[in-house]
Structures are given as C-alpha cells and as structure tokens.
Amino acid sequence: MSGTRGYFKNGVWIEEPIEKEGAASEGAAKAKEEAPDVENLAGEAKESVKKAVNNVITLGKNLFGTESGRQHLEKEARKAGEKLEETIEDAVESAKKEFEKAKEMVKK
C-alpha cells in the first residue's frame, strides 16, 4: 500500500497520510501523560466538599446567630405558612365541589 488514504472533494481526490503504528502508540502515550492525575482530582474534590460544608456552617451561624439572619428565617417561615394556608384552603374548596357533585349525582 502507498501509506495514504483520501477522499473526493469537489471531484478532486485529496490524499491524507496514514499514521504509522509507532506514531499511533506515541499519541496514546501522550494522551496518558495529559490525563489528569486521579490523586489530584480526588484532592480537589475533597477541598470543594470541605468548602461547601464550611459555607453551610457559616450560613447556619448567620441565620441563627444574627438579627438579620433571624429576620430572614422569620420572613421565610411566614411565606411558607401563607402557602400552606392557601394549599389547605384550595384542598377544602376542591373537596366541597366534589361533595356537591356527588350529592347531585345521588339526587338524579
């Protein structure tokens, strides 16, 4: 074989060289060298998790340990309570409507 391959482009044969076996194995070795170090990745992940945990701890201290944090918690709790009340009212309304429908079906 001639050691080339190719394709037609606009009616013209374009040749491409084929890598020799040695070149291919060199490319594989290079890829292995460029692959990230597992120990390094594990260390980075550990540091990331540590930072996230510390951020959550800091948030907790600020929420419970400062006036603005307690105000924020109170505001969010009030919003959650209002949503819960609305949900209960909607459920009661829906149940009333279904009860009325059932009553009408029994009358018929």
PDB file of N, CA and C in Angstrom:
ATOM      1  N   MET A   1       0.841  -1.182   0.000  1.00  0.00           N
ATOM      2  CA  MET A   1       0.000   0.000   0.000  1.00  0.00           C
ATOM      3  C   MET A   1       0.882   1.240   0.000  1.00  0.00           C
ATOM      4  N   SER A   2       0.275   2.328  -0.396  1.00  0.00           N
ATOM      5  CA  SER A   2       1.060   3.552  -0.549  1.00  0.00           C
ATOM      6  C   SER A   2       1.230   4.332   0.748  1.00  0.00           C
ATOM      7  N   GLY A   3       0.481   3.981   1.770  1.00  0.00           N
ATOM      8  CA  GLY A   3       0.605   4.705   3.030  1.00  0.00           C
ATOM      9  C   GLY A   3      -0.223   5.977   3.066  1.00  0.00           C
ATOM     10  N   THR A   4      -1.186   6.089   2.173  1.00  0.00           N
ATOM     11  CA  THR A   4      -2.077   7.250   2.186  1.00  0.00           C
ATOM     12  C   THR A   4      -3.514   6.786   2.103  1.00  0.00           C
ATOM     13  N   ARG A   5      -4.381   7.637   2.460  1.00  0.00           N
ATOM     14  CA  ARG A   5      -5.814   7.418   2.272  1.00  0.00           C
ATOM     15  C   ARG A   5      -6.372   8.739   1.792  1.00  0.00           C
ATOM     16  N   GLY A   6      -7.600   8.744   1.381  1.00  0.00           N
ATOM     17  CA  GLY A   6      -8.108  10.005   0.887  1.00  0.00           C
ATOM     18  C   GLY A   6      -9.601  10.010   0.689  1.00  0.00           C
ATOM     19  N   TYR A   7     -10.059  11.090   0.057  1.00  0.00           N
ATOM     20  CA  TYR A   7     -11.479  11.283  -0.211  1.00  0.00           C
ATOM     21  C   TYR A   7     -11.607  12.242  -1.382  1.00  0.00           C
ATOM     22  N   PHE A   8     -12.791  12.203  -1.999  1.00  0.00           N
ATOM     23  CA  PHE A   8     -13.064  13.130  -3.095  1.00  0.00           C
ATOM     24  C   PHE A   8     -13.686  14.394  -2.522  1.00  0.00           C
ATOM     25  N   LYS A   9     -13.213  15.531  -2.979  1.00  0.00           N
ATOM     26  CA  LYS A   9     -13.794  16.810  -2.596  1.00  0.00           C
ATOM     27  C   LYS A   9     -13.889  17.644  -3.870  1.00  0.00           C
ATOM     28  N   ASN A  10     -15.117  18.000  -4.221  1.00  0.00           N
ATOM     29  CA  ASN A  10     -15.365  18.765  -5.451  1.00  0.00           C
ATOM     30  C   ASN A  10     -14.751  18.082  -6.673  1.00  0.00           C
ATOM     31  N   GLY A  11     -14.850  16.753  -6.716  1.00  0.00           N
ATOM     32  CA  GLY A  11     -14.354  15.999  -7.860  1.00  0.00           C
ATOM     33  C   GLY A  11     -12.854  15.798  -7.877  1.00  0.00           C
ATOM     34  N   VAL A  12     -12.147  16.166  -6.840  1.00  0.00           N
ATOM     35  CA  VAL A  12     -10.693  16.020  -6.777  1.00  0.00           C
ATOM     36  C   VAL A  12     -10.359  15.059  -5.644  1.00  0.00           C
ATOM     37  N   TRP A  13      -9.455  14.106  -5.881  1.00  0.00           N
ATOM     38  CA  TRP A  13      -9.018  13.173  -4.851  1.00  0.00           C
ATOM     39  C   TRP A  13      -8.026  13.868  -3.926  1.00  0.00           C
ATOM     40  N   ILE A  14      -8.355  13.918  -2.645  1.00  0.00           N
ATOM     41  CA  ILE A  14      -7.491  14.539  -1.643  1.00  0.00           C
ATOM     42  C   ILE A  14      -6.869  13.412  -0.830  1.00  0.00           C
ATOM     43  N   GLU A  15      -5.545  13.356  -0.786  1.00  0.00           N
ATOM     44  CA  GLU A  15      -4.858  12.307  -0.030  1.00  0.00           C
ATOM     45  C   GLU A  15      -4.536  12.776   1.375  1.00  0.00           C
ATOM     46  N   GLU A  16      -4.659  11.837   2.315  1.00  0.00           N
ATOM     47  CA  GLU A  16      -4.285  12.074   3.708  1.00  0.00           C
ATOM     48  C   GLU A  16      -3.297  10.999   4.106  1.00  0.00           C
ATOM     49  N   PRO A  17      -2.232  11.351   4.778  1.00  0.00           N
ATOM     50  CA  PRO A  17      -1.278  10.321   5.217  1.00  0.00           C
ATOM     51  C   PRO A  17      -1.877   9.482   6.344  1.00  0.00           C
ATOM     52  N   ILE A  18      -1.512   8.211   6.379  1.00  0.00           N
ATOM     53  CA  ILE A  18      -1.948   7.310   7.439  1.00  0.00           C
ATOM     54  C   ILE A  18      -0.840   7.262   8.478  1.00  0.00           C
ATOM     55  N   GLU A  19      -1.210   7.387   9.745  1.00  0.00           N
ATOM     56  CA  GLU A  19      -0.202   7.327  10.801  1.00  0.00           C
ATOM     57  C   GLU A  19       0.369   5.931  10.884  1.00  0.00           C
ATOM     58  N   LYS A  20       1.649   5.849  11.100  1.00  0.00           N
ATOM     59  CA  LYS A  20       2.293   4.551  11.271  1.00  0.00           C
ATOM     60  C   LYS A  20       2.008   4.061  12.677  1.00  0.00           C
ATOM     61  N   GLU A  21       2.211   2.772  12.906  1.00  0.00           N
ATOM     62  CA  GLU A  21       1.921   2.165  14.196  1.00  0.00           C
ATOM     63  C   GLU A  21       2.666   2.851  15.329  1.00  0.00           C
ATOM     64  N   GLY A  22       3.900   3.187  15.120  1.00  0.00           N
ATOM     65  CA  GLY A  22       4.706   3.847  16.153  1.00  0.00           C
ATOM     66  C   GLY A  22       4.136   5.204  16.508  1.00  0.00           C
ATOM     67  N   ALA A  23       3.668   5.931  15.502  1.00  0.00           N
ATOM     68  CA  ALA A  23       3.104   7.256  15.740  1.00  0.00           C
ATOM     69  C   ALA A  23       1.821   7.148  16.542  1.00  0.00           C
ATOM     70  N   ALA A  24       1.033   6.117  16.256  1.00  0.00           N
ATOM     71  CA  ALA A  24      -0.221   5.936  16.987  1.00  0.00           C
ATOM     72  C   ALA A  24       0.054   5.629  18.450  1.00  0.00           C
ATOM     73  N   SER A  25       1.063   4.782  18.707  1.00  0.00           N
ATOM     74  CA  SER A  25       1.354   4.456  20.098  1.00  0.00           C
ATOM     75  C   SER A  25       1.953   5.660  20.830  1.00  0.00           C
ATOM     76  N   GLU A  26       2.689   6.509  20.105  1.00  0.00           N
ATOM     77  CA  GLU A  26       3.193   7.739  20.712  1.00  0.00           C
ATOM     78  C   GLU A  26       2.039   8.650  21.110  1.00  0.00           C
ATOM     79  N   GLY A  27       1.008   8.716  20.239  1.00  0.00           N
ATOM     80  CA  GLY A  27      -0.167   9.531  20.548  1.00  0.00           C
ATOM     81  C   GLY A  27      -0.883   9.015  21.777  1.00  0.00           C
ATOM     82  N   ALA A  28      -0.982   7.690  21.908  1.00  0.00           N
ATOM     83  CA  ALA A  28      -1.626   7.102  23.078  1.00  0.00           C
ATOM     84  C   ALA A  28      -0.824   7.410  24.336  1.00  0.00           C
ATOM     85  N   ALA A  29       0.504   7.331  24.230  1.00  0.00           N
ATOM     86  CA  ALA A  29       1.349   7.629  25.391  1.00  0.00           C
ATOM     87  C   ALA A  29       1.198   9.087  25.786  1.00  0.00           C
ATOM     88  N   LYS A  30       1.116   9.968  24.797  1.00  0.00           N
ATOM     89  CA  LYS A  30       0.948  11.394  25.074  1.00  0.00           C
ATOM     90  C   LYS A  30      -0.387  11.643  25.780  1.00  0.00           C
ATOM     91  N   ALA A  31      -1.449  10.958  25.321  1.00  0.00           N
ATOM     92  CA  ALA A  31      -2.772  11.110  25.937  1.00  0.00           C
ATOM     93  C   ALA A  31      -2.737  10.661  27.387  1.00  0.00           C
ATOM     94  N   LYS A  32      -1.985   9.570  27.667  1.00  0.00           N
ATOM     95  CA  LYS A  32      -1.875   9.096  29.049  1.00  0.00           C
ATOM     96  C   LYS A  32      -1.176  10.136  29.919  1.00  0.00           C
ATOM     97  N   GLU A  33      -0.132  10.765  29.349  1.00  0.00           N
ATOM     98  CA  GLU A  33       0.592  11.782  30.101  1.00  0.00           C
ATOM     99  C   GLU A  33      -0.297  12.988  30.388  1.00  0.00           C
ATOM    100  N   GLU A  34      -1.174  13.336  29.445  1.00  0.00           N
ATOM    101  CA  GLU A  34      -2.015  14.508  29.597  1.00  0.00           C
ATOM    102  C   GLU A  34      -3.250  14.239  30.451  1.00  0.00           C
ATOM    103  N   ALA A  35      -3.558  12.959  30.720  1.00  0.00           N
ATOM    104  CA  ALA A  35      -4.717  12.613  31.536  1.00  0.00           C
ATOM    105  C   ALA A  35      -4.515  13.172  32.940  1.00  0.00           C
ATOM    106  N   PRO A  36      -5.581  13.676  33.546  1.00  0.00           N
ATOM    107  CA  PRO A  36      -5.433  14.258  34.883  1.00  0.00           C
ATOM    108  C   PRO A  36      -5.068  13.189  35.919  1.00  0.00           C
ATOM    109  N   ASP A  37      -4.325  13.599  36.886  1.00  0.00           N
ATOM    110  CA  ASP A  37      -3.899  12.726  37.976  1.00  0.00           C
ATOM    111  C   ASP A  37      -5.089  12.470  38.900  1.00  0.00           C
ATOM    112  N   VAL A  38      -5.387  11.203  39.141  1.00  0.00           N
ATOM    113  CA  VAL A  38      -6.539  10.832  39.967  1.00  0.00           C
ATOM    114  C   VAL A  38      -6.379  11.365  41.386  1.00  0.00           C
ATOM    115  N   GLU A  39      -5.188  11.279  41.916  1.00  0.00           N
ATOM    116  CA  GLU A  39      -4.953  11.788  43.269  1.00  0.00           C
ATOM    117  C   GLU A  39      -5.223  13.287  43.340  1.00  0.00           C
ATOM    118  N   ASN A  40      -4.809  13.996  42.306  1.00  0.00           N
ATOM    119  CA  ASN A  40      -5.021  15.438  42.250  1.00  0.00           C
ATOM    120  C   ASN A  40      -6.519  15.740  42.185  1.00  0.00           C
ATOM    121  N   LEU A  41      -7.237  15.012  41.336  1.00  0.00           N
ATOM    122  CA  LEU A  41      -8.694  15.220  41.228  1.00  0.00           C
ATOM    123  C   LEU A  41      -9.390  14.924  42.552  1.00  0.00           C
ATOM    124  N   ALA A  42      -8.984  13.848  43.209  1.00  0.00           N
ATOM    125  CA  ALA A  42      -9.586  13.494  44.498  1.00  0.00           C
ATOM    126  C   ALA A  42      -9.327  14.587  45.531  1.00  0.00           C
ATOM    127  N   GLY A  43      -8.120  15.127  45.525  1.00  0.00           N
ATOM    128  CA  GLY A  43      -7.791  16.213  46.456  1.00  0.00           C
ATOM    129  C   GLY A  43      -8.623  17.455  46.199  1.00  0.00           C
ATOM    130  N   GLU A  44      -8.794  17.789  44.902  1.00  0.00           N
ATOM    131  CA  GLU A  44      -9.610  18.952  44.559  1.00  0.00           C
ATOM    132  C   GLU A  44     -11.062  18.750  44.966  1.00  0.00           C
ATOM    133  N   ALA A  45     -11.584  17.547  44.754  1.00  0.00           N
ATOM    134  CA  ALA A  45     -12.964  17.252  45.140  1.00  0.00           C
ATOM    135  C   ALA A  45     -13.128  17.355  46.658  1.00  0.00           C
ATOM    136  N   LYS A  46     -12.152  16.844  47.386  1.00  0.00           N
ATOM    137  CA  LYS A  46     -12.189  16.904  48.853  1.00  0.00           C
ATOM    138  C   LYS A  46     -12.217  18.357  49.327  1.00  0.00           C
ATOM    139  N   GLU A  47     -11.381  19.185  48.736  1.00  0.00           N
ATOM    140  CA  GLU A  47     -11.336  20.604  49.111  1.00  0.00           C
ATOM    141  C   GLU A  47     -12.657  21.297  48.781  1.00  0.00           C
ATOM    142  N   SER A  48     -13.240  20.933  47.655  1.00  0.00           N
ATOM    143  CA  SER A  48     -14.516  21.532  47.248  1.00  0.00           C
ATOM    144  C   SER A  48     -15.618  21.185  48.243  1.00  0.00           C
ATOM    145  N   VAL A  49     -15.665  19.924  48.642  1.00  0.00           N
ATOM    146  CA  VAL A  49     -16.679  19.492  49.613  1.00  0.00           C
ATOM    147  C   VAL A  49     -16.443  20.174  50.957  1.00  0.00           C
ATOM    148  N   LYS A  50     -15.191  20.262  51.357  1.00  0.00           N
ATOM    149  CA  LYS A  50     -14.848  20.914  52.630  1.00  0.00           C
ATOM    150  C   LYS A  50     -15.320  22.370  52.627  1.00  0.00           C
ATOM    151  N   LYS A  51     -15.087  23.060  51.500  1.00  0.00           N
ATOM    152  CA  LYS A  51     -15.505  24.464  51.381  1.00  0.00           C
ATOM    153  C   LYS A  51     -17.030  24.576  51.437  1.00  0.00           C
ATOM    154  N   ALA A  52     -17.741  23.654  50.755  1.00  0.00           N
ATOM    155  CA  ALA A  52     -19.204  23.682  50.764  1.00  0.00           C
ATOM    156  C   ALA A  52     -19.740  23.474  52.181  1.00  0.00           C
ATOM    157  N   VAL A  53     -19.172  22.537  52.913  1.00  0.00           N
ATOM    158  CA  VAL A  53     -19.609  22.276  54.294  1.00  0.00           C
ATOM    159  C   VAL A  53     -19.349  23.506  55.159  1.00  0.00           C
ATOM    160  N   ASN A  54     -18.195  24.112  55.000  1.00  0.00           N
ATOM    161  CA  ASN A  54     -17.891  25.322  55.777  1.00  0.00           C
ATOM    162  C   ASN A  54     -18.852  26.457  55.435  1.00  0.00           C
ATOM    163  N   ASN A  55     -19.226  26.573  54.161  1.00  0.00           N
ATOM    164  CA  ASN A  55     -20.197  27.605  53.764  1.00  0.00           C
ATOM    165  C   ASN A  55     -21.547  27.364  54.419  1.00  0.00           C
ATOM    166  N   VAL A  56     -21.984  26.106  54.472  1.00  0.00           N
ATOM    167  CA  VAL A  56     -23.266  25.786  55.117  1.00  0.00           C
ATOM    168  C   VAL A  56     -23.198  26.086  56.609  1.00  0.00           C
ATOM    169  N   ILE A  57     -22.094  25.768  57.245  1.00  0.00           N
ATOM    170  CA  ILE A  57     -21.930  26.054  58.676  1.00  0.00           C
ATOM    171  C   ILE A  57     -21.983  27.562  58.915  1.00  0.00           C
ATOM    172  N   THR A  58     -21.291  28.325  58.076  1.00  0.00           N
ATOM    173  CA  THR A  58     -21.293  29.786  58.205  1.00  0.00           C
ATOM    174  C   THR A  58     -22.702  30.330  58.020  1.00  0.00           C
ATOM    175  N   LEU A  59     -23.420  29.815  57.031  1.00  0.00           N
ATOM    176  CA  LEU A  59     -24.801  30.246  56.804  1.00  0.00           C
ATOM    177  C   LEU A  59     -25.653  29.965  58.031  1.00  0.00           C
ATOM    178  N   GLY A  60     -25.526  28.776  58.589  1.00  0.00           N
ATOM    179  CA  GLY A  60     -26.297  28.431  59.783  1.00  0.00           C
ATOM    180  C   GLY A  60     -26.003  29.357  60.948  1.00  0.00           C
ATOM    181  N   LYS A  61     -24.730  29.648  61.143  1.00  0.00           N
ATOM    182  CA  LYS A  61     -24.358  30.559  62.236  1.00  0.00           C
ATOM    183  C   LYS A  61     -24.964  31.942  62.016  1.00  0.00           C
ATOM    184  N   ASN A  62     -24.946  32.407  60.773  1.00  0.00           N
ATOM    185  CA  ASN A  62     -25.503  33.725  60.480  1.00  0.00           C
ATOM    186  C   ASN A  62     -27.017  33.741  60.585  1.00  0.00           C
ATOM    187  N   LEU A  63     -27.660  32.672  60.150  1.00  0.00           N
ATOM    188  CA  LEU A  63     -29.126  32.635  60.221  1.00  0.00           C
ATOM    189  C   LEU A  63     -29.606  32.649  61.661  1.00  0.00           C
ATOM    190  N   PHE A  64     -28.951  31.861  62.506  1.00  0.00           N
ATOM    191  CA  PHE A  64     -29.413  31.752  63.889  1.00  0.00           C
ATOM    192  C   PHE A  64     -28.714  32.716  64.833  1.00  0.00           C
ATOM    193  N   GLY A  65     -27.540  33.176  64.454  1.00  0.00           N
ATOM    194  CA  GLY A  65     -26.746  33.979  65.379  1.00  0.00           C
ATOM    195  C   GLY A  65     -26.799  35.473  65.164  1.00  0.00           C
ATOM    196  N   THR A  66     -27.490  35.925  64.109  1.00  0.00           N
ATOM    197  CA  THR A  66     -27.567  37.364  63.869  1.00  0.00           C
ATOM    198  C   THR A  66     -29.026  37.790  63.765  1.00  0.00           C
ATOM    199  N   GLU A  67     -29.252  39.040  64.037  1.00  0.00           N
ATOM    200  CA  GLU A  67     -30.620  39.576  63.956  1.00  0.00           C
ATOM    201  C   GLU A  67     -31.144  39.490  62.523  1.00  0.00           C
ATOM    202  N   SER A  68     -30.312  39.869  61.554  1.00  0.00           N
ATOM    203  CA  SER A  68     -30.769  39.826  60.159  1.00  0.00           C
ATOM    204  C   SER A  68     -31.050  38.388  59.722  1.00  0.00           C
ATOM    205  N   GLY A  69     -30.261  37.446  60.230  1.00  0.00           N
ATOM    206  CA  GLY A  69     -30.499  36.035  59.907  1.00  0.00           C
ATOM    207  C   GLY A  69     -31.819  35.560  60.480  1.00  0.00           C
ATOM    208  N   ARG A  70     -32.093  35.938  61.719  1.00  0.00           N
ATOM    209  CA  ARG A  70     -33.371  35.536  62.339  1.00  0.00           C
ATOM    210  C   ARG A  70     -34.545  36.186  61.621  1.00  0.00           C
ATOM    211  N   GLN A  71     -34.387  37.436  61.197  1.00  0.00           N
ATOM    212  CA  GLN A  71     -35.449  38.110  60.439  1.00  0.00           C
ATOM    213  C   GLN A  71     -35.694  37.398  59.112  1.00  0.00           C
ATOM    214  N   HIS A  72     -34.625  36.972  58.471  1.00  0.00           N
ATOM    215  CA  HIS A  72     -34.753  36.248  57.211  1.00  0.00           C
ATOM    216  C   HIS A  72     -35.517  34.933  57.427  1.00  0.00           C
ATOM    217  N   LEU A  73     -35.141  34.202  58.481  1.00  0.00           N
ATOM    218  CA  LEU A  73     -35.835  32.950  58.792  1.00  0.00           C
ATOM    219  C   LEU A  73     -37.314  33.195  59.076  1.00  0.00           C
ATOM    220  N   GLU A  74     -37.604  34.235  59.847  1.00  0.00           N
ATOM    221  CA  GLU A  74     -38.997  34.555  60.176  1.00  0.00           C
ATOM    222  C   GLU A  74     -39.783  34.881  58.910  1.00  0.00           C
ATOM    223  N   LYS A  75     -39.192  35.684  58.032  1.00  0.00           N
ATOM    224  CA  LYS A  75     -39.848  36.059  56.777  1.00  0.00           C
ATOM    225  C   LYS A  75     -40.146  34.818  55.931  1.00  0.00           C
ATOM    226  N   GLU A  76     -39.175  33.937  55.806  1.00  0.00           N
ATOM    227  CA  GLU A  76     -39.353  32.719  55.010  1.00  0.00           C
ATOM    228  C   GLU A  76     -40.385  31.786  55.652  1.00  0.00           C
ATOM    229  N   ALA A  77     -40.380  31.721  56.984  1.00  0.00           N
ATOM    230  CA  ALA A  77     -41.358  30.881  57.677  1.00  0.00           C
ATOM    231  C   ALA A  77     -42.769  31.423  57.472  1.00  0.00           C
ATOM    232  N   ARG A  78     -42.919  32.742  57.509  1.00  0.00           N
ATOM    233  CA  ARG A  78     -44.235  33.351  57.258  1.00  0.00           C
ATOM    234  C   ARG A  78     -44.715  33.036  55.829  1.00  0.00           C
ATOM    235  N   LYS A  79     -43.791  33.161  54.848  1.00  0.00           N
ATOM    236  CA  LYS A  79     -44.162  32.850  53.465  1.00  0.00           C
ATOM    237  C   LYS A  79     -44.598  31.396  53.342  1.00  0.00           C
ATOM    238  N   ALA A  80     -43.856  30.501  53.977  1.00  0.00           N
ATOM    239  CA  ALA A  80     -44.203  29.075  53.919  1.00  0.00           C
ATOM    240  C   ALA A  80     -45.556  28.830  54.575  1.00  0.00           C
ATOM    241  N   GLY A  81     -45.809  29.514  55.687  1.00  0.00           N
ATOM    242  CA  GLY A  81     -47.105  29.372  56.365  1.00  0.00           C
ATOM    243  C   GLY A  81     -48.255  29.861  55.499  1.00  0.00           C
ATOM    244  N   GLU A  82     -48.042  30.982  54.816  1.00  0.00           N
ATOM    245  CA  GLU A  82     -49.083  31.509  53.930  1.00  0.00           C
ATOM    246  C   GLU A  82     -49.360  30.535  52.784  1.00  0.00           C
ATOM    247  N   LYS A  83     -48.321  29.968  52.218  1.00  0.00           N
ATOM    248  CA  LYS A  83     -48.505  28.990  51.134  1.00  0.00           C
ATOM    249  C   LYS A  83     -49.242  27.766  51.634  1.00  0.00           C
ATOM    250  N   LEU A  84     -48.931  27.335  52.857  1.00  0.00           N
ATOM    251  CA  LEU A  84     -49.607  26.178  53.441  1.00  0.00           C
ATOM    252  C   LEU A  84     -51.090  26.478  53.652  1.00  0.00           C
ATOM    253  N   GLU A  85     -51.399  27.671  54.165  1.00  0.00           N
ATOM    254  CA  GLU A  85     -52.802  28.060  54.348  1.00  0.00           C
ATOM    255  C   GLU A  85     -53.550  28.068  53.024  1.00  0.00           C
ATOM    256  N   GLU A  86     -52.932  28.628  51.967  1.00  0.00           N
ATOM    257  CA  GLU A  86     -53.565  28.663  50.647  1.00  0.00           C
ATOM    258  C   GLU A  86     -53.818  27.253  50.126  1.00  0.00           C
ATOM    259  N   THR A  87     -52.858  26.377  50.340  1.00  0.00           N
ATOM    260  CA  THR A  87     -52.992  24.998  49.871  1.00  0.00           C
ATOM    261  C   THR A  87     -54.134  24.299  50.593  1.00  0.00           C
ATOM    262  N   ILE A  88     -54.242  24.520  51.890  1.00  0.00           N
ATOM    263  CA  ILE A  88     -55.327  23.904  52.666  1.00  0.00           C
ATOM    264  C   ILE A  88     -56.674  24.448  52.198  1.00  0.00           C
ATOM    265  N   GLU A  89     -56.752  25.769  51.984  1.00  0.00           N
ATOM    266  CA  GLU A  89     -58.000  26.367  51.504  1.00  0.00           C
ATOM    267  C   GLU A  89     -58.386  25.809  50.136  1.00  0.00           C
ATOM    268  N   ASP A  90     -57.414  25.655  49.252  1.00  0.00           N
ATOM    269  CA  ASP A  90     -57.691  25.086  47.933  1.00  0.00           C
ATOM    270  C   ASP A  90     -58.181  23.646  48.047  1.00  0.00           C
ATOM    271  N   ALA A  91     -57.568  22.869  48.933  1.00  0.00           N
ATOM    272  CA  ALA A  91     -57.977  21.479  49.126  1.00  0.00           C
ATOM    273  C   ALA A  91     -59.397  21.402  49.664  1.00  0.00           C
ATOM    274  N   VAL A  92     -59.750  22.281  50.599  1.00  0.00           N
ATOM    275  CA  VAL A  92     -61.102  22.299  51.166  1.00  0.00           C
ATOM    276  C   VAL A  92     -62.112  22.682  50.092  1.00  0.00           C
ATOM    277  N   GLU A  93     -61.795  23.705  49.302  1.00  0.00           N
ATOM    278  CA  GLU A  93     -62.684  24.124  48.211  1.00  0.00           C
ATOM    279  C   GLU A  93     -62.913  22.987  47.235  1.00  0.00           C
ATOM    280  N   SER A  94     -61.842  22.317  46.858  1.00  0.00           N
ATOM    281  CA  SER A  94     -61.926  21.203  45.922  1.00  0.00           C
ATOM    282  C   SER A  94     -62.778  20.082  46.505  1.00  0.00           C
ATOM    283  N   ALA A  95     -62.583  19.793  47.778  1.00  0.00           N
ATOM    284  CA  ALA A  95     -63.373  18.738  48.430  1.00  0.00           C
ATOM    285  C   ALA A  95     -64.852  19.116  48.470  1.00  0.00           C
ATOM    286  N   LYS A  96     -65.162  20.402  48.740  1.00  0.00           N
ATOM    287  CA  LYS A  96     -66.555  20.861  48.765  1.00  0.00           C
ATOM    288  C   LYS A  96     -67.200  20.673  47.397  1.00  0.00           C
ATOM    289  N   LYS A  97     -66.475  21.057  46.344  1.00  0.00           N
ATOM    290  CA  LYS A  97     -67.013  20.928  44.984  1.00  0.00           C
ATOM    291  C   LYS A  97     -67.281  19.466  44.651  1.00  0.00           C
ATOM    292  N   GLU A  98     -66.351  18.594  45.006  1.00  0.00           N
ATOM    293  CA  GLU A  98     -66.539  17.168  44.736  1.00  0.00           C
ATOM    294  C   GLU A  98     -67.719  16.617  45.540  1.00  0.00           C
ATOM    295  N   PHE A  99     -67.880  17.093  46.767  1.00  0.00           N
ATOM    296  CA  PHE A  99     -69.005  16.662  47.596  1.00  0.00           C
ATOM    297  C   PHE A  99     -70.325  17.095  46.973  1.00  0.00           C
ATOM    298  N   GLU A 100     -70.378  18.334  46.486  1.00  0.00           N
ATOM    299  CA  GLU A 100     -71.591  18.851  45.838  1.00  0.00           C
ATOM    300  C   GLU A 100     -71.907  18.047  44.575  1.00  0.00           C
ATOM    301  N   LYS A 101     -70.889  17.718  43.788  1.00  0.00           N
ATOM    302  CA  LYS A 101     -71.095  16.908  42.589  1.00  0.00           C
ATOM    303  C   LYS A 101     -71.665  15.546  42.957  1.00  0.00           C
ATOM    304  N   ALA A 102     -71.114  14.956  43.995  1.00  0.00           N
ATOM    305  CA  ALA A 102     -71.586  13.637  44.433  1.00  0.00           C
ATOM    306  C   ALA A 102     -73.043  13.711  44.908  1.00  0.00           C
ATOM    307  N   LYS A 103     -73.383  14.809  45.621  1.00  0.00           N
ATOM    308  CA  LYS A 103     -74.763  14.997  46.098  1.00  0.00           C
ATOM    309  C   LYS A 103     -75.716  15.086  44.909  1.00  0.00           C
ATOM    310  N   GLU A 104     -75.330  15.821  43.897  1.00  0.00           N
ATOM    311  CA  GLU A 104     -76.172  15.979  42.712  1.00  0.00           C
ATOM    312  C   GLU A 104     -76.349  14.650  41.988  1.00  0.00           C
ATOM    313  N   MET A 105     -75.289  13.856  41.927  1.00  0.00           N
ATOM    314  CA  MET A 105     -75.365  12.556  41.258  1.00  0.00           C
ATOM    315  C   MET A 105     -76.317  11.631  42.017  1.00  0.00           C
ATOM    316  N   VAL A 106     -76.338  11.718  43.334  1.00  0.00           N
ATOM    317  CA  VAL A 106     -77.228  10.872  44.141  1.00  0.00           C
ATOM    318  C   VAL A 106     -78.670  11.283  43.938  1.00  0.00           C
ATOM    319  N   LYS A 107     -78.937  12.585  43.811  1.00  0.00           N
ATOM    320  CA  LYS A 107     -80.296  13.088  43.612  1.00  0.00           C
ATOM    321  C   LYS A 107     -80.880  12.584  42.300  1.00  0.00           C
ATOM    322  N   LYS A 108     -80.036  12.430  41.290  1.00  0.00           N
ATOM    323  CA  LYS A 108     -80.506  12.010  39.966  1.00  0.00           C
ATOM    324  C   LYS A 108     -80.793  10.568  39.992  1.00  0.00           C
TER     325      LYS A 108
END
